[in-house]
Amino acid sequence: MDDLKKIYMDFEKHLMTDKQPSHYFNQIFDEEPSYFSKYPFDILTNLKEINQSLKYHPEGNVWNHTMLVIDHAAIRKNQSNNPKALMWAALLHDIGKVTATKIRKGRITAYNHDKFGENLSVEFLTALEAEKDLIHLVSKMVRWHMQILFVVKKLPFADIKAMLSEVNLEDIALLSLCDRLGRGNMSDSILKDEMNNVETFISECKNVLP
């Protein structure tokens, strides 16, 4: 078995079995920094260099955020119709921020990181020889993970019909919840607000269904 396939299987094992997969990922990248600077793993390790607005992400860089998200997803993965796809999507959901993150008028922004992330998740999983069906599903969940924000805030970027043609509503809502919870300083009031946002998102989406 070649190294890439072995690492892919190790990643998947820890995503699917660990209570807190972040412990494994932080450990493995700390122990093998030179190896994981190589393609395709640099797509992930680059997240450590991408800062976020501390107003919305007090946990710091995108890597820290991603580690929180996969731990939240691990708790809830059995609620998903496809736990494997959920966990991989949680790991890869923000890789588009490597390309999209810019400083605009003194603000850190990551416009269209969902769209960039769709392509990068395909690239990453293809390099690891993942199953084509998994690659497709994960990439689409990455593509649509920002819709909860667009729908709840009634932004013009919302496209419920297109989203529902490519992903399962409950699964994208679950990924979105994990994403929203993957922040530092999560108070009970913020948790309640995010749970309400998910309910609003699901309700608004169901209103569009035939």
C-alpha atoms as a PDB file:
ATOM      1  CA  MET A   1       0.000   0.000   0.000  1.00  0.00           C
ATOM      2  CA  ASP A   2       1.462   3.398  -0.982  1.00  0.00           C
ATOM      3  CA  ASP A   3       1.890   6.196   1.543  1.00  0.00           C
ATOM      4  CA  LEU A   4      -0.958   8.353   0.241  1.00  0.00           C
ATOM      5  CA  LYS A   5      -3.492   5.560   0.474  1.00  0.00           C
ATOM      6  CA  LYS A   6      -2.316   4.597   3.949  1.00  0.00           C
ATOM      7  CA  ILE A   7      -2.610   8.161   5.196  1.00  0.00           C
ATOM      8  CA  TYR A   8      -6.047   8.487   3.609  1.00  0.00           C
ATOM      9  CA  MET A   9      -7.178   5.380   5.471  1.00  0.00           C
ATOM     10  CA  ASP A  10      -5.637   6.648   8.725  1.00  0.00           C
ATOM     11  CA  PHE A  11      -7.401   9.989   8.309  1.00  0.00           C
ATOM     12  CA  GLU A  12     -10.702   8.262   7.703  1.00  0.00           C
ATOM     13  CA  LYS A  13     -10.267   5.867  10.624  1.00  0.00           C
ATOM     14  CA  HIS A  14      -9.714   8.717  13.065  1.00  0.00           C
ATOM     15  CA  LEU A  15     -12.482  10.843  11.586  1.00  0.00           C
ATOM     16  CA  MET A  16     -14.914   7.966  11.968  1.00  0.00           C
ATOM     17  CA  THR A  17     -13.866   6.499  15.329  1.00  0.00           C
ATOM     18  CA  ASP A  18     -12.307   9.204  17.509  1.00  0.00           C
ATOM     19  CA  LYS A  19     -14.400  11.176  19.961  1.00  0.00           C
ATOM     20  CA  GLN A  20     -12.142  14.165  19.276  1.00  0.00           C
ATOM     21  CA  PRO A  21     -10.381  13.673  15.919  1.00  0.00           C
ATOM     22  CA  SER A  22      -8.583  16.981  16.399  1.00  0.00           C
ATOM     23  CA  HIS A  23      -6.170  15.294  18.829  1.00  0.00           C
ATOM     24  CA  TYR A  24      -4.942  12.960  16.076  1.00  0.00           C
ATOM     25  CA  PHE A  25      -4.656  15.669  13.413  1.00  0.00           C
ATOM     26  CA  ASN A  26      -2.801  18.091  15.651  1.00  0.00           C
ATOM     27  CA  GLN A  27      -0.435  15.344  16.745  1.00  0.00           C
ATOM     28  CA  ILE A  28       0.296  13.958  13.293  1.00  0.00           C
ATOM     29  CA  PHE A  29       0.981  17.350  11.747  1.00  0.00           C
ATOM     30  CA  ASP A  30       3.239  18.336  14.655  1.00  0.00           C
ATOM     31  CA  GLU A  31       5.200  15.088  14.415  1.00  0.00           C
ATOM     32  CA  GLU A  32       5.648  15.117  10.628  1.00  0.00           C
ATOM     33  CA  PRO A  33       5.843  18.801   9.618  1.00  0.00           C
ATOM     34  CA  SER A  34       8.158  18.280   6.644  1.00  0.00           C
ATOM     35  CA  TYR A  35       6.147  15.413   5.178  1.00  0.00           C
ATOM     36  CA  PHE A  36       2.856  17.225   5.527  1.00  0.00           C
ATOM     37  CA  SER A  37       4.207  20.268   3.763  1.00  0.00           C
ATOM     38  CA  LYS A  38       4.018  18.197   0.580  1.00  0.00           C
ATOM     39  CA  TYR A  39       1.121  17.914  -1.844  1.00  0.00           C
ATOM     40  CA  PRO A  40      -1.754  17.273  -1.288  1.00  0.00           C
ATOM     41  CA  PHE A  41      -1.428  17.700   2.477  1.00  0.00           C
ATOM     42  CA  ASP A  42      -0.156  21.251   2.103  1.00  0.00           C
ATOM     43  CA  ILE A  43      -3.763  22.105   1.165  1.00  0.00           C
ATOM     44  CA  LEU A  44      -4.631  21.354   4.791  1.00  0.00           C
ATOM     45  CA  THR A  45      -1.483  22.586   6.518  1.00  0.00           C
ATOM     46  CA  ASN A  46      -1.808  25.949   4.761  1.00  0.00           C
ATOM     47  CA  LEU A  47      -4.907  26.520   6.900  1.00  0.00           C
ATOM     48  CA  LYS A  48      -2.568  27.203   9.820  1.00  0.00           C
ATOM     49  CA  GLU A  49      -1.336  30.323   8.033  1.00  0.00           C
ATOM     50  CA  ILE A  50      -4.789  31.748   7.266  1.00  0.00           C
ATOM     51  CA  ASN A  51      -6.061  34.156   9.880  1.00  0.00           C
ATOM     52  CA  GLN A  52      -9.710  35.002  10.452  1.00  0.00           C
ATOM     53  CA  SER A  53     -11.580  37.941  11.934  1.00  0.00           C
ATOM     54  CA  LEU A  54     -11.362  37.548  15.694  1.00  0.00           C
ATOM     55  CA  LYS A  55     -14.815  39.119  15.955  1.00  0.00           C
ATOM     56  CA  TYR A  56     -16.332  35.994  14.418  1.00  0.00           C
ATOM     57  CA  HIS A  57     -13.546  33.507  15.080  1.00  0.00           C
ATOM     58  CA  PRO A  58     -11.904  34.105  18.467  1.00  0.00           C
ATOM     59  CA  GLU A  59     -10.313  30.663  18.150  1.00  0.00           C
ATOM     60  CA  GLY A  60      -7.870  32.121  15.628  1.00  0.00           C
ATOM     61  CA  ASN A  61      -6.737  30.668  12.324  1.00  0.00           C
ATOM     62  CA  VAL A  62      -8.667  28.414   9.969  1.00  0.00           C
ATOM     63  CA  TRP A  63      -6.855  25.315  11.203  1.00  0.00           C
ATOM     64  CA  ASN A  64      -8.025  25.933  14.787  1.00  0.00           C
ATOM     65  CA  HIS A  65     -11.555  26.465  13.529  1.00  0.00           C
ATOM     66  CA  THR A  66     -11.455  23.279  11.457  1.00  0.00           C
ATOM     67  CA  MET A  67     -10.311  21.229  14.431  1.00  0.00           C
ATOM     68  CA  LEU A  68     -13.280  22.487  16.468  1.00  0.00           C
ATOM     69  CA  VAL A  69     -15.650  21.695  13.593  1.00  0.00           C
ATOM     70  CA  ILE A  70     -14.498  18.090  13.181  1.00  0.00           C
ATOM     71  CA  ASP A  71     -14.896  17.528  16.912  1.00  0.00           C
ATOM     72  CA  HIS A  72     -18.461  18.851  16.796  1.00  0.00           C
ATOM     73  CA  ALA A  73     -19.135  16.702  13.744  1.00  0.00           C
ATOM     74  CA  ALA A  74     -17.757  13.624  15.497  1.00  0.00           C
ATOM     75  CA  ILE A  75     -20.325  14.107  18.266  1.00  0.00           C
ATOM     76  CA  ARG A  76     -23.171  14.368  15.754  1.00  0.00           C
ATOM     77  CA  LYS A  77     -22.080  12.142  12.884  1.00  0.00           C
ATOM     78  CA  ASN A  78     -24.607   9.412  13.662  1.00  0.00           C
ATOM     79  CA  GLN A  79     -27.370  11.931  12.963  1.00  0.00           C
ATOM     80  CA  SER A  80     -26.177  12.105   9.352  1.00  0.00           C
ATOM     81  CA  ASN A  81     -27.437  10.069   6.421  1.00  0.00           C
ATOM     82  CA  ASN A  82     -23.786   9.656   5.411  1.00  0.00           C
ATOM     83  CA  PRO A  83     -21.441   9.979   8.415  1.00  0.00           C
ATOM     84  CA  LYS A  84     -18.320   9.472   6.299  1.00  0.00           C
ATOM     85  CA  ALA A  85     -19.219  12.302   3.949  1.00  0.00           C
ATOM     86  CA  LEU A  86     -20.083  14.540   6.895  1.00  0.00           C
ATOM     87  CA  MET A  87     -16.727  13.990   8.552  1.00  0.00           C
ATOM     88  CA  TRP A  88     -14.699  14.559   5.395  1.00  0.00           C
ATOM     89  CA  ALA A  89     -16.757  17.661   4.610  1.00  0.00           C
ATOM     90  CA  ALA A  90     -16.128  18.953   8.125  1.00  0.00           C
ATOM     91  CA  LEU A  91     -12.389  18.521   7.628  1.00  0.00           C
ATOM     92  CA  LEU A  92     -12.355  20.147   4.185  1.00  0.00           C
ATOM     93  CA  HIS A  93     -15.165  22.690   4.421  1.00  0.00           C
ATOM     94  CA  ASP A  94     -12.927  25.759   4.659  1.00  0.00           C
ATOM     95  CA  ILE A  95      -9.946  24.809   2.506  1.00  0.00           C
ATOM     96  CA  GLY A  96     -11.131  27.395   0.003  1.00  0.00           C
ATOM     97  CA  LYS A  97     -10.098  30.097   2.458  1.00  0.00           C
ATOM     98  CA  VAL A  98      -6.479  29.520   1.464  1.00  0.00           C
ATOM     99  CA  THR A  99      -7.337  30.954  -1.949  1.00  0.00           C
ATOM    100  CA  ALA A 100     -10.132  33.323  -0.982  1.00  0.00           C
ATOM    101  CA  THR A 101      -8.812  35.112   2.114  1.00  0.00           C
ATOM    102  CA  LYS A 102      -7.896  38.745   1.476  1.00  0.00           C
ATOM    103  CA  ILE A 103      -7.524  41.958   3.436  1.00  0.00           C
ATOM    104  CA  ARG A 104     -10.105  44.436   2.174  1.00  0.00           C
ATOM    105  CA  LYS A 105     -10.256  47.906   3.728  1.00  0.00           C
ATOM    106  CA  GLY A 106      -8.551  46.575   6.839  1.00  0.00           C
ATOM    107  CA  ARG A 107     -10.918  43.598   7.177  1.00  0.00           C
ATOM    108  CA  ILE A 108     -10.150  39.906   6.720  1.00  0.00           C
ATOM    109  CA  THR A 109     -12.572  38.472   4.164  1.00  0.00           C
ATOM    110  CA  ALA A 110     -12.961  35.091   2.451  1.00  0.00           C
ATOM    111  CA  TYR A 111     -15.551  35.718  -0.229  1.00  0.00           C
ATOM    112  CA  ASN A 112     -16.460  32.672  -2.346  1.00  0.00           C
ATOM    113  CA  HIS A 113     -14.371  30.307  -0.242  1.00  0.00           C
ATOM    114  CA  ASP A 114     -17.221  27.809  -0.556  1.00  0.00           C
ATOM    115  CA  LYS A 115     -16.839  27.789  -4.338  1.00  0.00           C
ATOM    116  CA  PHE A 116     -13.055  27.587  -4.225  1.00  0.00           C
ATOM    117  CA  GLY A 117     -13.379  24.855  -1.620  1.00  0.00           C
ATOM    118  CA  GLU A 118     -15.567  22.706  -3.840  1.00  0.00           C
ATOM    119  CA  ASN A 119     -12.779  22.411  -6.407  1.00  0.00           C
ATOM    120  CA  LEU A 120     -10.019  22.015  -3.839  1.00  0.00           C
ATOM    121  CA  SER A 121     -11.873  19.238  -2.013  1.00  0.00           C
ATOM    122  CA  VAL A 122     -12.191  17.349  -5.297  1.00  0.00           C
ATOM    123  CA  GLU A 123      -8.474  17.844  -5.905  1.00  0.00           C
ATOM    124  CA  PHE A 124      -7.503  16.736  -2.408  1.00  0.00           C
ATOM    125  CA  LEU A 125      -9.657  13.603  -2.284  1.00  0.00           C
ATOM    126  CA  THR A 126      -8.802  12.638  -5.863  1.00  0.00           C
ATOM    127  CA  ALA A 127      -5.099  12.786  -5.001  1.00  0.00           C
ATOM    128  CA  LEU A 128      -5.822  10.380  -2.136  1.00  0.00           C
ATOM    129  CA  GLU A 129      -7.757   8.044  -4.464  1.00  0.00           C
ATOM    130  CA  ALA A 130     -11.019   8.364  -2.561  1.00  0.00           C
ATOM    131  CA  GLU A 131     -14.184   6.838  -3.987  1.00  0.00           C
ATOM    132  CA  LYS A 132     -15.794   8.948  -6.715  1.00  0.00           C
ATOM    133  CA  ASP A 133     -19.184   8.992  -5.014  1.00  0.00           C
ATOM    134  CA  LEU A 134     -17.612  10.248  -1.780  1.00  0.00           C
ATOM    135  CA  ILE A 135     -15.629  12.912  -3.624  1.00  0.00           C
ATOM    136  CA  HIS A 136     -18.777  14.186  -5.313  1.00  0.00           C
ATOM    137  CA  LEU A 137     -20.851  14.316  -2.142  1.00  0.00           C
ATOM    138  CA  VAL A 138     -18.151  15.906   0.012  1.00  0.00           C
ATOM    139  CA  SER A 139     -17.390  18.563  -2.593  1.00  0.00           C
ATOM    140  CA  LYS A 140     -21.054  19.503  -2.861  1.00  0.00           C
ATOM    141  CA  MET A 141     -21.398  19.791   0.907  1.00  0.00           C
ATOM    142  CA  VAL A 142     -18.345  22.044   0.941  1.00  0.00           C
ATOM    143  CA  ARG A 143     -19.876  24.077  -1.893  1.00  0.00           C
ATOM    144  CA  TRP A 144     -23.136  24.711  -0.047  1.00  0.00           C
ATOM    145  CA  HIS A 145     -22.032  24.968   3.598  1.00  0.00           C
ATOM    146  CA  MET A 146     -22.439  28.775   3.639  1.00  0.00           C
ATOM    147  CA  GLN A 147     -26.074  28.707   2.568  1.00  0.00           C
ATOM    148  CA  ILE A 148     -27.326  28.727   6.150  1.00  0.00           C
ATOM    149  CA  LEU A 149     -25.894  32.222   6.573  1.00  0.00           C
ATOM    150  CA  PHE A 150     -27.250  33.418   3.239  1.00  0.00           C
ATOM    151  CA  VAL A 151     -30.720  31.989   3.848  1.00  0.00           C
ATOM    152  CA  VAL A 152     -31.111  33.118   7.463  1.00  0.00           C
ATOM    153  CA  LYS A 153     -29.872  36.633   6.681  1.00  0.00           C
ATOM    154  CA  LYS A 154     -31.876  36.709   3.427  1.00  0.00           C
ATOM    155  CA  LEU A 155     -28.806  37.549   1.381  1.00  0.00           C
ATOM    156  CA  PRO A 156     -28.918  37.482  -2.438  1.00  0.00           C
ATOM    157  CA  PHE A 157     -26.373  34.642  -2.529  1.00  0.00           C
ATOM    158  CA  ALA A 158     -28.962  32.166  -1.236  1.00  0.00           C
ATOM    159  CA  ASP A 159     -29.887  29.521  -3.817  1.00  0.00           C
ATOM    160  CA  ILE A 160     -31.998  26.944  -2.034  1.00  0.00           C
ATOM    161  CA  LYS A 161     -33.234  25.155  -5.158  1.00  0.00           C
ATOM    162  CA  ALA A 162     -29.745  24.599  -6.533  1.00  0.00           C
ATOM    163  CA  MET A 163     -28.478  23.490  -3.139  1.00  0.00           C
ATOM    164  CA  LEU A 164     -31.253  20.969  -2.610  1.00  0.00           C
ATOM    165  CA  SER A 165     -30.638  19.523  -6.067  1.00  0.00           C
ATOM    166  CA  GLU A 166     -27.149  18.472  -4.922  1.00  0.00           C
ATOM    167  CA  VAL A 167     -27.215  17.815  -1.176  1.00  0.00           C
ATOM    168  CA  ASN A 168     -29.507  16.385   1.466  1.00  0.00           C
ATOM    169  CA  LEU A 169     -31.138  19.153   3.526  1.00  0.00           C
ATOM    170  CA  GLU A 170     -30.644  17.524   6.924  1.00  0.00           C
ATOM    171  CA  ASP A 171     -27.010  16.720   6.178  1.00  0.00           C
ATOM    172  CA  ILE A 172     -26.066  20.204   4.982  1.00  0.00           C
ATOM    173  CA  ALA A 173     -27.887  21.651   7.986  1.00  0.00           C
ATOM    174  CA  LEU A 174     -25.871  19.366  10.273  1.00  0.00           C
ATOM    175  CA  LEU A 175     -22.569  20.381   8.667  1.00  0.00           C
ATOM    176  CA  SER A 176     -23.599  24.021   8.898  1.00  0.00           C
ATOM    177  CA  LEU A 177     -24.395  23.639  12.592  1.00  0.00           C
ATOM    178  CA  CYS A 178     -20.972  22.108  13.276  1.00  0.00           C
ATOM    179  CA  ASP A 179     -19.369  24.941  11.323  1.00  0.00           C
ATOM    180  CA  ARG A 180     -21.255  27.583  13.306  1.00  0.00           C
ATOM    181  CA  LEU A 181     -20.377  25.910  16.610  1.00  0.00           C
ATOM    182  CA  GLY A 182     -16.690  25.627  15.703  1.00  0.00           C
ATOM    183  CA  ARG A 183     -15.710  28.868  17.378  1.00  0.00           C
ATOM    184  CA  GLY A 184     -14.004  29.823  20.595  1.00  0.00           C
ATOM    185  CA  ASN A 185     -15.875  31.366  23.532  1.00  0.00           C
ATOM    186  CA  MET A 186     -19.132  29.602  22.679  1.00  0.00           C
ATOM    187  CA  SER A 187     -21.638  30.820  25.275  1.00  0.00           C
ATOM    188  CA  ASP A 188     -25.029  29.255  26.005  1.00  0.00           C
ATOM    189  CA  SER A 189     -26.777  32.203  24.362  1.00  0.00           C
ATOM    190  CA  ILE A 190     -24.731  31.862  21.181  1.00  0.00           C
ATOM    191  CA  LEU A 191     -25.405  28.122  21.137  1.00  0.00           C
ATOM    192  CA  LYS A 192     -29.141  28.778  21.444  1.00  0.00           C
ATOM    193  CA  ASP A 193     -28.991  31.345  18.633  1.00  0.00           C
ATOM    194  CA  GLU A 194     -27.180  28.923  16.336  1.00  0.00           C
ATOM    195  CA  MET A 195     -29.657  26.130  17.022  1.00  0.00           C
ATOM    196  CA  ASN A 196     -32.475  28.565  16.195  1.00  0.00           C
ATOM    197  CA  ASN A 197     -30.684  29.549  12.987  1.00  0.00           C
ATOM    198  CA  VAL A 198     -30.540  25.921  11.903  1.00  0.00           C
ATOM    199  CA  GLU A 199     -34.254  25.512  12.543  1.00  0.00           C
ATOM    200  CA  THR A 200     -34.967  28.657  10.518  1.00  0.00           C
ATOM    201  CA  PHE A 201     -32.726  27.427   7.710  1.00  0.00           C
ATOM    202  CA  ILE A 202     -34.479  24.062   7.511  1.00  0.00           C
ATOM    203  CA  SER A 203     -37.902  25.694   7.633  1.00  0.00           C
ATOM    204  CA  GLU A 204     -37.060  28.165   4.864  1.00  0.00           C
ATOM    205  CA  CYS A 205     -35.650  25.388   2.693  1.00  0.00           C
ATOM    206  CA  LYS A 206     -38.706  23.176   3.193  1.00  0.00           C
ATOM    207  CA  ASN A 207     -40.899  26.049   2.032  1.00  0.00           C
ATOM    208  CA  VAL A 208     -39.114  25.859  -1.325  1.00  0.00           C
ATOM    209  CA  LEU A 209     -39.549  22.119  -1.710  1.00  0.00           C
ATOM    210  CA  PRO A 210     -42.400  21.043  -4.035  1.00  0.00           C
END
